[in-house]
Amino acid sequence: MSKPIRLRQAADMIQRDVAEILRREVNDPRLTQVTITAVDVAPDMRSAKIFYTAYDKDDLKEVQKALDKAAGFLRHQLASMVSLRHTPQLRFVYDESILYGEHLSALINETKDSDPDE
């Protein structure tokens, strides 16, 4: 079942605005290479799960700590940018879909390389 258009619009707005805040307002060097990939807003719009990727995969724990620490600041900044009744609580989750895609691509390439018919 697809999400109501209101939730999709709120998620898109939050994704765009959080990415902008990270780019312009946050000075933490651990967050310079963070990309917001998706946002999942709860049906009551009181919480949002924000999916992200980071350029440097070795420092994911530090990036997660920095995002958790900045969540209150980001929520405060977001409140001044969006017109929602309630500014959602922000929870950051590393988006593993890119790693999964890379893994599948490697498996496909491995299979192609070992195919004797080619």
N, C-alpha and C. Protein backbone atom coordinates (compact mmCIF):
# COMPACT_ATOMS: atom_id res chain seq x y z
N MET A 1 0.84 -1.17 0.00
CA MET A 1 0.00 0.00 0.00
C MET A 1 0.89 1.24 0.00
N SER A 2 0.61 2.18 -0.87
CA SER A 2 1.44 3.38 -0.95
C SER A 2 1.09 4.36 0.15
N LYS A 3 2.04 5.21 0.45
CA LYS A 3 1.85 6.20 1.49
C LYS A 3 0.96 7.33 0.98
N PRO A 4 0.21 7.94 1.87
CA PRO A 4 -0.58 9.11 1.46
C PRO A 4 0.34 10.21 0.94
N ILE A 5 -0.18 10.98 0.02
CA ILE A 5 0.62 12.03 -0.62
C ILE A 5 1.16 13.02 0.40
N ARG A 6 0.40 13.29 1.46
CA ARG A 6 0.84 14.24 2.48
C ARG A 6 2.12 13.77 3.16
N LEU A 7 2.22 12.46 3.45
CA LEU A 7 3.44 11.92 4.07
C LEU A 7 4.61 11.97 3.11
N ARG A 8 4.36 11.66 1.84
CA ARG A 8 5.44 11.72 0.85
C ARG A 8 5.95 13.14 0.67
N GLN A 9 5.04 14.10 0.65
CA GLN A 9 5.45 15.50 0.51
C GLN A 9 6.25 15.95 1.73
N ALA A 10 5.79 15.55 2.93
CA ALA A 10 6.53 15.92 4.15
C ALA A 10 7.91 15.28 4.14
N ALA A 11 8.00 14.02 3.73
CA ALA A 11 9.30 13.33 3.68
C ALA A 11 10.24 14.01 2.69
N ASP A 12 9.72 14.37 1.53
CA ASP A 12 10.55 15.06 0.53
C ASP A 12 11.04 16.41 1.05
N MET A 13 10.16 17.13 1.71
CA MET A 13 10.52 18.44 2.24
C MET A 13 11.58 18.30 3.33
N ILE A 14 11.41 17.33 4.22
CA ILE A 14 12.37 17.10 5.30
C ILE A 14 13.72 16.68 4.71
N GLN A 15 13.70 15.80 3.72
CA GLN A 15 14.95 15.36 3.10
C GLN A 15 15.70 16.53 2.50
N ARG A 16 15.02 17.34 1.75
CA ARG A 16 15.64 18.50 1.10
C ARG A 16 16.19 19.49 2.14
N ASP A 17 15.39 19.78 3.16
CA ASP A 17 15.78 20.79 4.13
C ASP A 17 16.89 20.31 5.07
N VAL A 18 16.85 19.06 5.50
CA VAL A 18 17.92 18.54 6.36
C VAL A 18 19.23 18.51 5.59
N ALA A 19 19.18 18.12 4.32
CA ALA A 19 20.40 18.13 3.50
C ALA A 19 20.96 19.54 3.38
N GLU A 20 20.09 20.49 3.21
CA GLU A 20 20.51 21.89 3.09
C GLU A 20 21.12 22.39 4.41
N ILE A 21 20.49 22.05 5.52
CA ILE A 21 21.01 22.46 6.84
C ILE A 21 22.39 21.85 7.07
N LEU A 22 22.53 20.56 6.74
CA LEU A 22 23.83 19.91 6.90
C LEU A 22 24.89 20.61 6.07
N ARG A 23 24.52 21.01 4.87
CA ARG A 23 25.48 21.63 3.96
C ARG A 23 25.85 23.04 4.42
N ARG A 24 24.89 23.80 4.91
CA ARG A 24 25.14 25.21 5.21
C ARG A 24 25.42 25.54 6.68
N GLU A 25 24.81 24.81 7.58
CA GLU A 25 24.81 25.22 8.98
C GLU A 25 25.70 24.39 9.90
N VAL A 26 25.95 23.15 9.55
CA VAL A 26 26.68 22.25 10.44
C VAL A 26 28.16 22.32 10.11
N ASN A 27 28.98 22.57 11.12
CA ASN A 27 30.42 22.73 10.92
C ASN A 27 31.24 21.51 11.34
N ASP A 28 30.58 20.42 11.67
CA ASP A 28 31.29 19.22 12.10
C ASP A 28 31.95 18.56 10.89
N PRO A 29 33.27 18.41 10.89
CA PRO A 29 33.96 17.82 9.73
C PRO A 29 33.55 16.37 9.46
N ARG A 30 33.04 15.68 10.46
CA ARG A 30 32.60 14.30 10.24
C ARG A 30 31.37 14.23 9.34
N LEU A 31 30.67 15.35 9.21
CA LEU A 31 29.41 15.35 8.46
C LEU A 31 29.52 16.00 7.08
N THR A 32 30.72 16.34 6.66
CA THR A 32 30.86 17.02 5.37
C THR A 32 30.53 16.12 4.18
N GLN A 33 30.72 14.83 4.32
CA GLN A 33 30.48 13.91 3.20
C GLN A 33 29.22 13.06 3.39
N VAL A 34 28.28 13.53 4.22
CA VAL A 34 27.04 12.81 4.45
C VAL A 34 26.03 13.20 3.39
N THR A 35 25.35 12.20 2.84
CA THR A 35 24.28 12.42 1.88
C THR A 35 23.00 11.83 2.42
N ILE A 36 21.93 12.61 2.42
CA ILE A 36 20.62 12.13 2.86
C ILE A 36 19.99 11.42 1.68
N THR A 37 19.68 10.13 1.84
CA THR A 37 19.18 9.35 0.72
C THR A 37 17.67 9.18 0.74
N ALA A 38 17.06 9.19 1.92
CA ALA A 38 15.61 8.99 2.02
C ALA A 38 15.14 9.41 3.40
N VAL A 39 13.85 9.67 3.50
CA VAL A 39 13.23 9.99 4.78
C VAL A 39 11.92 9.21 4.87
N ASP A 40 11.70 8.59 6.00
CA ASP A 40 10.46 7.87 6.27
C ASP A 40 9.77 8.56 7.44
N VAL A 41 8.63 9.17 7.18
CA VAL A 41 7.90 9.91 8.21
C VAL A 41 6.82 9.00 8.78
N ALA A 42 6.69 9.00 10.11
CA ALA A 42 5.66 8.22 10.77
C ALA A 42 4.28 8.77 10.39
N PRO A 43 3.26 7.92 10.40
CA PRO A 43 1.92 8.38 10.02
C PRO A 43 1.41 9.57 10.84
N ASP A 44 1.81 9.66 12.11
CA ASP A 44 1.38 10.80 12.93
C ASP A 44 2.29 12.02 12.75
N MET A 45 3.32 11.87 11.93
CA MET A 45 4.29 12.92 11.59
C MET A 45 5.05 13.48 12.79
N ARG A 46 5.16 12.69 13.83
CA ARG A 46 5.90 13.13 15.02
C ARG A 46 7.33 12.62 15.04
N SER A 47 7.64 11.71 14.13
CA SER A 47 9.02 11.23 14.05
C SER A 47 9.37 10.97 12.58
N ALA A 48 10.65 11.08 12.30
CA ALA A 48 11.14 10.84 10.95
C ALA A 48 12.44 10.05 11.03
N LYS A 49 12.50 9.00 10.26
CA LYS A 49 13.71 8.21 10.14
C LYS A 49 14.44 8.71 8.91
N ILE A 50 15.65 9.21 9.10
CA ILE A 50 16.41 9.80 8.02
C ILE A 50 17.55 8.86 7.65
N PHE A 51 17.52 8.38 6.41
CA PHE A 51 18.54 7.47 5.92
C PHE A 51 19.65 8.27 5.27
N TYR A 52 20.89 7.86 5.52
CA TYR A 52 22.04 8.59 4.99
C TYR A 52 23.12 7.63 4.55
N THR A 53 24.00 8.14 3.71
CA THR A 53 25.23 7.44 3.36
C THR A 53 26.38 8.39 3.66
N ALA A 54 27.55 7.82 3.75
CA ALA A 54 28.74 8.62 4.02
C ALA A 54 29.85 8.16 3.08
N TYR A 55 30.63 9.10 2.64
CA TYR A 55 31.72 8.81 1.70
C TYR A 55 32.74 7.87 2.32
N ASP A 56 33.15 8.14 3.55
CA ASP A 56 34.17 7.35 4.22
C ASP A 56 33.50 6.27 5.07
N LYS A 57 33.49 5.05 4.58
CA LYS A 57 32.82 3.95 5.27
C LYS A 57 33.55 3.54 6.55
N ASP A 58 34.80 3.94 6.72
CA ASP A 58 35.59 3.55 7.89
C ASP A 58 35.16 4.31 9.15
N ASP A 59 34.56 5.46 8.98
CA ASP A 59 34.19 6.29 10.13
C ASP A 59 32.70 6.32 10.39
N LEU A 60 31.98 5.27 10.04
CA LEU A 60 30.53 5.29 10.18
C LEU A 60 30.07 5.47 11.63
N LYS A 61 30.79 4.90 12.57
CA LYS A 61 30.41 5.06 13.98
C LYS A 61 30.54 6.51 14.41
N GLU A 62 31.61 7.16 13.96
CA GLU A 62 31.81 8.57 14.30
C GLU A 62 30.76 9.46 13.62
N VAL A 63 30.42 9.13 12.39
CA VAL A 63 29.39 9.89 11.67
C VAL A 63 28.05 9.73 12.38
N GLN A 64 27.74 8.50 12.80
CA GLN A 64 26.47 8.26 13.51
C GLN A 64 26.43 9.05 14.81
N LYS A 65 27.54 9.06 15.54
CA LYS A 65 27.61 9.84 16.79
C LYS A 65 27.38 11.32 16.51
N ALA A 66 28.01 11.82 15.46
CA ALA A 66 27.88 13.24 15.11
C ALA A 66 26.45 13.57 14.72
N LEU A 67 25.81 12.70 13.96
CA LEU A 67 24.42 12.94 13.57
C LEU A 67 23.49 12.89 14.78
N ASP A 68 23.71 11.92 15.66
CA ASP A 68 22.90 11.83 16.87
C ASP A 68 23.06 13.09 17.72
N LYS A 69 24.29 13.57 17.81
CA LYS A 69 24.56 14.78 18.58
C LYS A 69 23.91 16.01 17.94
N ALA A 70 23.89 16.06 16.62
CA ALA A 70 23.35 17.22 15.90
C ALA A 70 21.84 17.15 15.70
N ALA A 71 21.21 16.05 16.08
CA ALA A 71 19.78 15.87 15.81
C ALA A 71 18.92 16.99 16.39
N GLY A 72 19.20 17.42 17.60
CA GLY A 72 18.42 18.50 18.21
C GLY A 72 18.59 19.82 17.46
N PHE A 73 19.82 20.14 17.11
CA PHE A 73 20.08 21.34 16.32
C PHE A 73 19.39 21.27 14.98
N LEU A 74 19.49 20.12 14.31
CA LEU A 74 18.86 19.96 13.01
C LEU A 74 17.34 20.09 13.11
N ARG A 75 16.77 19.54 14.15
CA ARG A 75 15.32 19.64 14.35
C ARG A 75 14.91 21.09 14.57
N HIS A 76 15.68 21.81 15.37
CA HIS A 76 15.39 23.22 15.63
C HIS A 76 15.46 24.03 14.33
N GLN A 77 16.50 23.81 13.54
CA GLN A 77 16.63 24.51 12.27
C GLN A 77 15.51 24.13 11.30
N LEU A 78 15.16 22.86 11.31
CA LEU A 78 14.09 22.37 10.45
C LEU A 78 12.76 23.02 10.81
N ALA A 79 12.53 23.23 12.09
CA ALA A 79 11.27 23.84 12.54
C ALA A 79 11.08 25.22 11.96
N SER A 80 12.16 25.95 11.75
CA SER A 80 12.04 27.29 11.19
C SER A 80 11.87 27.28 9.68
N MET A 81 12.10 26.11 9.05
CA MET A 81 12.02 26.04 7.59
C MET A 81 10.74 25.39 7.07
N VAL A 82 10.14 24.52 7.85
CA VAL A 82 8.97 23.78 7.37
C VAL A 82 7.70 24.27 8.04
N SER A 83 6.62 24.06 7.36
CA SER A 83 5.33 24.46 7.92
C SER A 83 4.52 23.21 8.27
N LEU A 84 4.96 22.54 9.32
CA LEU A 84 4.26 21.37 9.84
C LEU A 84 3.74 21.70 11.23
N ARG A 85 2.65 21.06 11.59
CA ARG A 85 2.09 21.29 12.92
C ARG A 85 3.09 20.90 14.00
N HIS A 86 3.74 19.76 13.81
CA HIS A 86 4.77 19.29 14.75
C HIS A 86 6.04 19.02 13.96
N THR A 87 7.15 19.52 14.47
CA THR A 87 8.43 19.18 13.86
C THR A 87 8.81 17.80 14.37
N PRO A 88 9.02 16.86 13.47
CA PRO A 88 9.27 15.48 13.93
C PRO A 88 10.61 15.32 14.63
N GLN A 89 10.65 14.35 15.54
CA GLN A 89 11.91 13.91 16.12
C GLN A 89 12.71 13.25 14.99
N LEU A 90 13.99 13.52 14.94
CA LEU A 90 14.82 12.99 13.86
C LEU A 90 15.67 11.84 14.36
N ARG A 91 15.61 10.74 13.63
CA ARG A 91 16.45 9.59 13.95
C ARG A 91 17.22 9.21 12.69
N PHE A 92 18.52 9.12 12.80
CA PHE A 92 19.38 8.86 11.65
C PHE A 92 19.75 7.38 11.58
N VAL A 93 19.63 6.83 10.37
CA VAL A 93 19.91 5.42 10.13
C VAL A 93 20.79 5.31 8.89
N TYR A 94 21.87 4.57 9.00
CA TYR A 94 22.75 4.37 7.85
C TYR A 94 22.01 3.57 6.78
N ASP A 95 22.04 4.04 5.56
CA ASP A 95 21.37 3.39 4.43
C ASP A 95 22.28 2.33 3.84
N GLU A 96 21.95 1.08 4.10
CA GLU A 96 22.78 -0.03 3.64
C GLU A 96 22.42 -0.48 2.23
N SER A 97 21.45 0.13 1.61
CA SER A 97 21.02 -0.31 0.28
C SER A 97 22.14 -0.15 -0.76
N ILE A 98 22.97 0.86 -0.60
CA ILE A 98 24.07 1.06 -1.56
C ILE A 98 25.10 -0.06 -1.41
N LEU A 99 25.42 -0.40 -0.16
CA LEU A 99 26.35 -1.52 0.06
C LEU A 99 25.77 -2.82 -0.49
N TYR A 100 24.48 -3.02 -0.30
CA TYR A 100 23.81 -4.22 -0.80
C TYR A 100 23.87 -4.25 -2.33
N GLY A 101 23.63 -3.10 -2.96
CA GLY A 101 23.71 -3.00 -4.41
C GLY A 101 25.11 -3.30 -4.92
N GLU A 102 26.12 -2.78 -4.23
CA GLU A 102 27.50 -3.06 -4.61
C GLU A 102 27.81 -4.55 -4.49
N HIS A 103 27.30 -5.17 -3.43
CA HIS A 103 27.50 -6.60 -3.22
C HIS A 103 26.86 -7.40 -4.35
N LEU A 104 25.61 -7.05 -4.71
CA LEU A 104 24.94 -7.76 -5.80
C LEU A 104 25.67 -7.57 -7.12
N SER A 105 26.15 -6.36 -7.36
CA SER A 105 26.89 -6.09 -8.59
C SER A 105 28.17 -6.93 -8.64
N ALA A 106 28.85 -7.05 -7.52
CA ALA A 106 30.06 -7.87 -7.47
C ALA A 106 29.74 -9.34 -7.74
N LEU A 107 28.63 -9.82 -7.19
CA LEU A 107 28.23 -11.21 -7.43
C LEU A 107 27.90 -11.44 -8.91
N ILE A 108 27.23 -10.48 -9.52
CA ILE A 108 26.91 -10.60 -10.95
C ILE A 108 28.18 -10.62 -11.78
N ASN A 109 29.10 -9.73 -11.46
CA ASN A 109 30.37 -9.69 -12.20
C ASN A 109 31.16 -10.98 -12.00
N GLU A 110 31.12 -11.52 -10.80
CA GLU A 110 31.81 -12.77 -10.50
C GLU A 110 31.22 -13.90 -11.34
N THR A 111 29.92 -13.92 -11.46
CA THR A 111 29.24 -14.95 -12.23
C THR A 111 29.56 -14.81 -13.71
N LYS A 112 29.58 -13.58 -14.21
CA LYS A 112 29.91 -13.35 -15.62
C LYS A 112 31.34 -13.78 -15.92
N ASP A 113 32.26 -13.53 -14.99
CA ASP A 113 33.67 -13.87 -15.20
C ASP A 113 33.89 -15.38 -15.20
N SER A 114 33.06 -16.11 -14.47
CA SER A 114 33.26 -17.55 -14.38
C SER A 114 32.40 -18.33 -15.37
N ASP A 115 31.61 -17.63 -16.21
CA ASP A 115 30.74 -18.30 -17.18
C ASP A 115 31.59 -18.84 -18.34
N PRO A 116 31.65 -20.17 -18.54
CA PRO A 116 32.49 -20.75 -19.59
C PRO A 116 31.93 -20.53 -21.01
N ASP A 117 30.66 -20.16 -21.13
CA ASP A 117 30.05 -19.98 -22.45
C ASP A 117 30.47 -18.68 -23.11
N GLU A 118 31.06 -17.77 -22.40
CA GLU A 118 31.43 -16.48 -22.97
C GLU A 118 32.83 -16.45 -23.49
